[in-house]
Amino acid sequence: MSGSSEERSAAETEDRARARLSARGGDELPRLPWLAGRQPHDAVTLIRQVLWRAGTDRAALELPEDLLAALTLLATARAELDQLEAGLLFVGRAEGLTWAQIAEALGLRTAQAAQQRHERVTARLAGDADGGA
């Protein structure tokens, strides 16, 4: 299988998982103010909804399909969290936060550790954008 057909297959699998979880309750979740129009909920929200249903209304789950769909979205959820972290670091620096302040907020020991974390996160995002990582 070529890289592009593998990527297409992975994207289709993710789309099916997202559609399943949206249809299984995700569409009923309150709209978040930052979602445009009919933009679907993010992967983290859909995964959280499956876990909530598992803890509060197991009869509402269709096992194992709902759990497998949630697991399918984990890589996307990780990438979404990387985007949030990169955004916070970018805005924080733009607003004058020092790397030392950022390090403290992240529970890191040094400013250098915060800078290195920023580099790793942005490298992961660049790899995702290039189809790698």
N, C-alpha and C. Protein backbone atom coordinates (compact mmCIF):
# COMPACT_ATOMS: atom_id res chain seq x y z
N MET A 1 0.84 -1.17 0.00
CA MET A 1 0.00 0.00 0.00
C MET A 1 0.89 1.24 0.00
N SER A 2 0.59 2.22 -0.84
CA SER A 2 1.42 3.42 -0.90
C SER A 2 1.08 4.34 0.27
N GLY A 3 1.99 5.30 0.51
CA GLY A 3 1.77 6.22 1.62
C GLY A 3 0.47 6.98 1.49
N SER A 4 0.14 7.44 0.27
CA SER A 4 -1.08 8.23 0.11
C SER A 4 -2.33 7.39 0.32
N SER A 5 -2.34 6.14 -0.13
CA SER A 5 -3.52 5.31 0.10
C SER A 5 -3.62 4.90 1.57
N GLU A 6 -2.48 4.73 2.25
CA GLU A 6 -2.50 4.45 3.69
C GLU A 6 -3.06 5.65 4.45
N GLU A 7 -2.62 6.85 4.06
CA GLU A 7 -3.12 8.06 4.71
C GLU A 7 -4.61 8.23 4.47
N ARG A 8 -5.04 7.95 3.24
CA ARG A 8 -6.46 8.06 2.90
C ARG A 8 -7.28 7.06 3.72
N SER A 9 -6.77 5.85 3.84
CA SER A 9 -7.45 4.81 4.62
C SER A 9 -7.54 5.21 6.09
N ALA A 10 -6.44 5.75 6.64
CA ALA A 10 -6.44 6.19 8.04
C ALA A 10 -7.43 7.33 8.24
N ALA A 11 -7.47 8.26 7.29
CA ALA A 11 -8.39 9.39 7.40
C ALA A 11 -9.84 8.91 7.32
N GLU A 12 -10.10 7.93 6.45
CA GLU A 12 -11.46 7.39 6.35
C GLU A 12 -11.86 6.66 7.63
N THR A 13 -10.92 5.92 8.21
CA THR A 13 -11.19 5.22 9.47
C THR A 13 -11.49 6.23 10.57
N GLU A 14 -10.70 7.30 10.63
CA GLU A 14 -10.94 8.34 11.63
C GLU A 14 -12.29 9.01 11.39
N ASP A 15 -12.61 9.31 10.14
CA ASP A 15 -13.90 9.94 9.82
C ASP A 15 -15.06 9.06 10.26
N ARG A 16 -14.94 7.75 10.03
CA ARG A 16 -16.01 6.82 10.45
C ARG A 16 -16.14 6.80 11.97
N ALA A 17 -15.01 6.81 12.67
CA ALA A 17 -15.03 6.82 14.14
C ALA A 17 -15.68 8.10 14.66
N ARG A 18 -15.30 9.23 14.07
CA ARG A 18 -15.86 10.52 14.48
C ARG A 18 -17.36 10.56 14.20
N ALA A 19 -17.76 10.07 13.03
CA ALA A 19 -19.19 10.06 12.67
C ALA A 19 -19.97 9.16 13.62
N ARG A 20 -19.40 8.02 13.96
CA ARG A 20 -20.08 7.09 14.88
C ARG A 20 -20.30 7.75 16.23
N LEU A 21 -19.24 8.34 16.78
CA LEU A 21 -19.36 8.93 18.12
C LEU A 21 -20.24 10.18 18.10
N SER A 22 -20.24 10.90 16.99
CA SER A 22 -21.14 12.04 16.87
C SER A 22 -22.59 11.56 16.86
N ALA A 23 -22.86 10.52 16.09
CA ALA A 23 -24.21 9.98 16.01
C ALA A 23 -24.65 9.31 17.31
N ARG A 24 -23.69 8.83 18.09
CA ARG A 24 -24.00 8.11 19.33
C ARG A 24 -24.04 9.04 20.55
N GLY A 25 -24.23 10.31 20.31
CA GLY A 25 -24.40 11.23 21.42
C GLY A 25 -23.58 12.50 21.29
N GLY A 26 -22.54 12.47 20.50
CA GLY A 26 -21.70 13.65 20.34
C GLY A 26 -22.44 14.84 19.75
N ASP A 27 -23.38 14.56 18.83
CA ASP A 27 -24.16 15.65 18.23
C ASP A 27 -25.11 16.30 19.23
N GLU A 28 -25.40 15.60 20.32
CA GLU A 28 -26.31 16.14 21.33
C GLU A 28 -25.60 16.99 22.38
N LEU A 29 -24.27 16.97 22.35
CA LEU A 29 -23.51 17.77 23.31
C LEU A 29 -23.72 19.25 23.02
N PRO A 30 -23.67 20.10 24.05
CA PRO A 30 -23.81 21.54 23.81
C PRO A 30 -22.72 22.03 22.85
N ARG A 31 -23.10 22.97 22.00
CA ARG A 31 -22.15 23.55 21.05
C ARG A 31 -21.17 24.44 21.81
N LEU A 32 -19.91 24.27 21.53
CA LEU A 32 -18.88 25.10 22.15
C LEU A 32 -18.74 26.38 21.33
N PRO A 33 -18.53 27.53 21.99
CA PRO A 33 -18.57 28.80 21.27
C PRO A 33 -17.50 28.95 20.18
N TRP A 34 -16.44 28.17 20.25
CA TRP A 34 -15.38 28.30 19.25
C TRP A 34 -15.57 27.38 18.04
N LEU A 35 -16.63 26.58 18.05
CA LEU A 35 -16.91 25.73 16.90
C LEU A 35 -17.73 26.51 15.88
N ALA A 36 -17.27 26.49 14.64
CA ALA A 36 -17.96 27.23 13.58
C ALA A 36 -19.05 26.36 12.96
N GLY A 37 -20.22 26.94 12.76
CA GLY A 37 -21.31 26.26 12.05
C GLY A 37 -21.55 24.84 12.51
N ARG A 38 -21.42 23.91 11.57
CA ARG A 38 -21.64 22.49 11.85
C ARG A 38 -20.33 21.76 12.12
N GLN A 39 -19.29 22.50 12.45
CA GLN A 39 -18.00 21.87 12.77
C GLN A 39 -18.21 20.86 13.89
N PRO A 40 -17.70 19.63 13.71
CA PRO A 40 -17.91 18.61 14.74
C PRO A 40 -17.09 18.89 16.00
N HIS A 41 -17.48 18.26 17.07
CA HIS A 41 -16.70 18.35 18.30
C HIS A 41 -15.32 17.75 18.07
N ASP A 42 -14.36 18.22 18.85
CA ASP A 42 -13.00 17.70 18.76
C ASP A 42 -12.93 16.28 19.30
N ALA A 43 -11.84 15.60 18.97
CA ALA A 43 -11.67 14.20 19.36
C ALA A 43 -11.66 14.04 20.88
N VAL A 44 -11.04 14.97 21.59
CA VAL A 44 -10.98 14.87 23.05
C VAL A 44 -12.39 14.88 23.64
N THR A 45 -13.24 15.76 23.15
CA THR A 45 -14.61 15.84 23.65
C THR A 45 -15.39 14.56 23.35
N LEU A 46 -15.22 14.02 22.15
CA LEU A 46 -15.93 12.79 21.80
C LEU A 46 -15.46 11.61 22.64
N ILE A 47 -14.15 11.53 22.88
CA ILE A 47 -13.61 10.46 23.73
C ILE A 47 -14.12 10.62 25.16
N ARG A 48 -14.10 11.84 25.65
CA ARG A 48 -14.58 12.10 27.01
C ARG A 48 -16.05 11.71 27.15
N GLN A 49 -16.84 11.94 26.11
CA GLN A 49 -18.26 11.60 26.14
C GLN A 49 -18.45 10.08 26.23
N VAL A 50 -17.63 9.32 25.51
CA VAL A 50 -17.70 7.85 25.60
C VAL A 50 -17.37 7.39 27.02
N LEU A 51 -16.32 7.94 27.59
CA LEU A 51 -15.94 7.56 28.96
C LEU A 51 -17.02 7.95 29.96
N TRP A 52 -17.63 9.10 29.77
CA TRP A 52 -18.71 9.52 30.66
C TRP A 52 -19.89 8.55 30.56
N ARG A 53 -20.26 8.19 29.33
CA ARG A 53 -21.36 7.23 29.16
C ARG A 53 -21.00 5.89 29.78
N ALA A 54 -19.75 5.48 29.66
CA ALA A 54 -19.32 4.19 30.24
C ALA A 54 -19.47 4.22 31.76
N GLY A 55 -19.28 5.38 32.36
CA GLY A 55 -19.37 5.48 33.81
C GLY A 55 -20.76 5.78 34.33
N THR A 56 -21.64 6.31 33.47
CA THR A 56 -22.96 6.72 33.96
C THR A 56 -24.11 5.95 33.34
N ASP A 57 -23.92 5.44 32.13
CA ASP A 57 -25.02 4.76 31.45
C ASP A 57 -24.47 3.69 30.51
N ARG A 58 -23.92 2.64 31.10
CA ARG A 58 -23.28 1.58 30.31
C ARG A 58 -24.24 0.98 29.28
N ALA A 59 -25.53 0.99 29.57
CA ALA A 59 -26.50 0.44 28.62
C ALA A 59 -26.53 1.26 27.33
N ALA A 60 -26.13 2.54 27.42
CA ALA A 60 -26.13 3.39 26.23
C ALA A 60 -24.94 3.11 25.32
N LEU A 61 -23.93 2.42 25.83
CA LEU A 61 -22.76 2.09 25.02
C LEU A 61 -23.05 0.89 24.14
N GLU A 62 -22.54 0.93 22.94
CA GLU A 62 -22.56 -0.23 22.07
C GLU A 62 -21.13 -0.77 22.07
N LEU A 63 -20.92 -1.79 22.89
CA LEU A 63 -19.58 -2.36 23.03
C LEU A 63 -19.40 -3.45 21.99
N PRO A 64 -18.25 -3.61 21.42
CA PRO A 64 -17.05 -2.81 21.64
C PRO A 64 -16.92 -1.66 20.66
N GLU A 65 -17.92 -1.46 19.78
CA GLU A 65 -17.79 -0.50 18.70
C GLU A 65 -17.52 0.93 19.17
N ASP A 66 -18.24 1.39 20.20
CA ASP A 66 -18.03 2.75 20.69
C ASP A 66 -16.63 2.92 21.26
N LEU A 67 -16.17 1.93 22.01
CA LEU A 67 -14.82 2.01 22.59
C LEU A 67 -13.76 1.97 21.50
N LEU A 68 -13.95 1.14 20.50
CA LEU A 68 -12.99 1.07 19.40
C LEU A 68 -12.95 2.39 18.63
N ALA A 69 -14.11 3.01 18.43
CA ALA A 69 -14.15 4.31 17.76
C ALA A 69 -13.39 5.35 18.58
N ALA A 70 -13.59 5.34 19.90
CA ALA A 70 -12.87 6.28 20.77
C ALA A 70 -11.37 6.04 20.71
N LEU A 71 -10.96 4.78 20.75
CA LEU A 71 -9.53 4.46 20.65
C LEU A 71 -8.95 4.92 19.32
N THR A 72 -9.72 4.83 18.26
CA THR A 72 -9.28 5.28 16.94
C THR A 72 -8.94 6.76 16.95
N LEU A 73 -9.64 7.54 17.77
CA LEU A 73 -9.44 8.99 17.80
C LEU A 73 -8.32 9.44 18.75
N LEU A 74 -7.67 8.51 19.45
CA LEU A 74 -6.64 8.92 20.41
C LEU A 74 -5.48 9.69 19.78
N ALA A 75 -4.99 9.25 18.63
CA ALA A 75 -3.87 9.96 17.99
C ALA A 75 -4.29 11.38 17.62
N THR A 76 -5.52 11.52 17.14
CA THR A 76 -6.03 12.85 16.80
C THR A 76 -6.16 13.70 18.06
N ALA A 77 -6.62 13.11 19.15
CA ALA A 77 -6.75 13.84 20.41
C ALA A 77 -5.38 14.32 20.89
N ARG A 78 -4.36 13.48 20.75
CA ARG A 78 -3.01 13.89 21.14
C ARG A 78 -2.54 15.08 20.31
N ALA A 79 -2.80 15.03 19.01
CA ALA A 79 -2.41 16.13 18.13
C ALA A 79 -3.17 17.41 18.50
N GLU A 80 -4.44 17.28 18.86
CA GLU A 80 -5.22 18.45 19.28
C GLU A 80 -4.62 19.07 20.54
N LEU A 81 -4.21 18.23 21.49
CA LEU A 81 -3.59 18.75 22.71
C LEU A 81 -2.25 19.40 22.41
N ASP A 82 -1.50 18.85 21.48
CA ASP A 82 -0.25 19.49 21.06
C ASP A 82 -0.53 20.87 20.46
N GLN A 83 -1.59 20.99 19.66
CA GLN A 83 -1.95 22.28 19.09
C GLN A 83 -2.32 23.28 20.18
N LEU A 84 -3.06 22.82 21.18
CA LEU A 84 -3.42 23.70 22.29
C LEU A 84 -2.19 24.16 23.05
N GLU A 85 -1.28 23.21 23.33
CA GLU A 85 -0.06 23.57 24.06
C GLU A 85 0.78 24.56 23.26
N ALA A 86 0.96 24.29 21.98
CA ALA A 86 1.75 25.20 21.14
C ALA A 86 1.10 26.59 21.11
N GLY A 87 -0.22 26.62 21.02
CA GLY A 87 -0.92 27.90 21.01
C GLY A 87 -0.74 28.66 22.31
N LEU A 88 -0.85 27.96 23.43
CA LEU A 88 -0.65 28.62 24.73
C LEU A 88 0.78 29.13 24.88
N LEU A 89 1.74 28.35 24.44
CA LEU A 89 3.13 28.78 24.53
C LEU A 89 3.38 29.99 23.64
N PHE A 90 2.83 29.98 22.44
CA PHE A 90 3.00 31.10 21.52
C PHE A 90 2.38 32.37 22.10
N VAL A 91 1.13 32.27 22.56
CA VAL A 91 0.45 33.44 23.13
C VAL A 91 1.15 33.90 24.40
N GLY A 92 1.56 32.95 25.23
CA GLY A 92 2.27 33.32 26.46
C GLY A 92 3.53 34.11 26.18
N ARG A 93 4.31 33.64 25.23
CA ARG A 93 5.54 34.36 24.87
C ARG A 93 5.21 35.72 24.27
N ALA A 94 4.19 35.77 23.41
CA ALA A 94 3.79 37.03 22.79
C ALA A 94 3.32 38.04 23.84
N GLU A 95 2.75 37.53 24.92
CA GLU A 95 2.26 38.40 26.00
C GLU A 95 3.33 38.70 27.04
N GLY A 96 4.55 38.25 26.80
CA GLY A 96 5.65 38.62 27.67
C GLY A 96 6.03 37.62 28.75
N LEU A 97 5.42 36.45 28.77
CA LEU A 97 5.84 35.45 29.75
C LEU A 97 7.27 35.01 29.44
N THR A 98 8.05 34.82 30.49
CA THR A 98 9.41 34.31 30.30
C THR A 98 9.36 32.80 30.25
N TRP A 99 10.43 32.21 29.71
CA TRP A 99 10.51 30.75 29.70
C TRP A 99 10.53 30.21 31.12
N ALA A 100 11.10 30.97 32.06
CA ALA A 100 11.13 30.54 33.46
C ALA A 100 9.70 30.49 34.03
N GLN A 101 8.88 31.49 33.71
CA GLN A 101 7.49 31.48 34.17
C GLN A 101 6.71 30.32 33.56
N ILE A 102 6.95 30.09 32.28
CA ILE A 102 6.28 28.99 31.59
C ILE A 102 6.71 27.66 32.20
N ALA A 103 8.01 27.53 32.46
CA ALA A 103 8.53 26.29 33.06
C ALA A 103 7.84 26.02 34.39
N GLU A 104 7.72 27.04 35.21
CA GLU A 104 7.08 26.86 36.52
C GLU A 104 5.62 26.42 36.35
N ALA A 105 4.90 27.06 35.43
CA ALA A 105 3.50 26.70 35.21
C ALA A 105 3.35 25.27 34.69
N LEU A 106 4.32 24.80 33.92
CA LEU A 106 4.29 23.44 33.37
C LEU A 106 4.85 22.40 34.33
N GLY A 107 5.38 22.86 35.46
CA GLY A 107 5.97 21.93 36.41
C GLY A 107 7.35 21.45 35.99
N LEU A 108 8.03 22.26 35.19
CA LEU A 108 9.38 21.92 34.73
C LEU A 108 10.39 22.66 35.60
N ARG A 109 11.61 22.16 35.62
CA ARG A 109 12.61 22.73 36.52
C ARG A 109 13.33 23.95 35.97
N THR A 110 13.45 24.03 34.64
CA THR A 110 14.25 25.12 34.08
C THR A 110 13.57 25.76 32.88
N ALA A 111 14.00 26.99 32.59
CA ALA A 111 13.53 27.68 31.39
C ALA A 111 13.94 26.89 30.15
N GLN A 112 15.13 26.32 30.18
CA GLN A 112 15.61 25.54 29.04
C GLN A 112 14.70 24.33 28.80
N ALA A 113 14.23 23.70 29.86
CA ALA A 113 13.32 22.56 29.71
C ALA A 113 12.02 22.99 29.03
N ALA A 114 11.53 24.19 29.37
CA ALA A 114 10.31 24.70 28.74
C ALA A 114 10.54 24.97 27.25
N GLN A 115 11.69 25.55 26.93
CA GLN A 115 12.02 25.80 25.53
C GLN A 115 12.13 24.48 24.75
N GLN A 116 12.77 23.49 25.36
CA GLN A 116 12.91 22.20 24.70
C GLN A 116 11.55 21.54 24.49
N ARG A 117 10.69 21.68 25.47
CA ARG A 117 9.33 21.12 25.33
C ARG A 117 8.61 21.79 24.17
N HIS A 118 8.73 23.11 24.08
CA HIS A 118 8.13 23.85 22.97
C HIS A 118 8.66 23.34 21.64
N GLU A 119 9.96 23.12 21.56
CA GLU A 119 10.57 22.62 20.32
C GLU A 119 10.03 21.24 19.97
N ARG A 120 9.89 20.37 20.97
CA ARG A 120 9.36 19.02 20.71
C ARG A 120 7.91 19.07 20.22
N VAL A 121 7.11 19.90 20.87
CA VAL A 121 5.69 20.00 20.49
C VAL A 121 5.57 20.54 19.06
N THR A 122 6.30 21.60 18.76
CA THR A 122 6.20 22.16 17.41
C THR A 122 6.77 21.21 16.37
N ALA A 123 7.79 20.45 16.73
CA ALA A 123 8.33 19.45 15.80
C ALA A 123 7.30 18.35 15.53
N ARG A 124 6.59 17.92 16.57
CA ARG A 124 5.54 16.91 16.37
C ARG A 124 4.45 17.45 15.45
N LEU A 125 4.07 18.69 15.67
CA LEU A 125 3.03 19.29 14.83
C LEU A 125 3.50 19.42 13.39
N ALA A 126 4.75 19.80 13.20
CA ALA A 126 5.30 19.90 11.84
C ALA A 126 5.33 18.52 11.20
N GLY A 127 5.68 17.50 11.97
CA GLY A 127 5.68 16.13 11.45
C GLY A 127 4.29 15.68 11.07
N ASP A 128 3.28 16.04 11.87
CA ASP A 128 1.89 15.69 11.56
C ASP A 128 1.45 16.39 10.28
N ALA A 129 1.86 17.67 10.13
CA ALA A 129 1.47 18.43 8.94
C ALA A 129 2.11 17.85 7.68
N ASP A 130 3.30 17.27 7.83
CA ASP A 130 4.01 16.66 6.70
C ASP A 130 3.56 15.23 6.45
N GLY A 131 2.66 14.73 7.29
CA GLY A 131 2.19 13.36 7.14
C GLY A 131 3.03 12.36 7.89
N GLY A 132 3.98 12.84 8.70
CA GLY A 132 4.82 11.94 9.48
C GLY A 132 4.37 11.88 10.92
N ALA A 133 5.29 11.44 11.77
CA ALA A 133 5.09 11.36 13.22
C ALA A 133 3.99 10.51 13.58
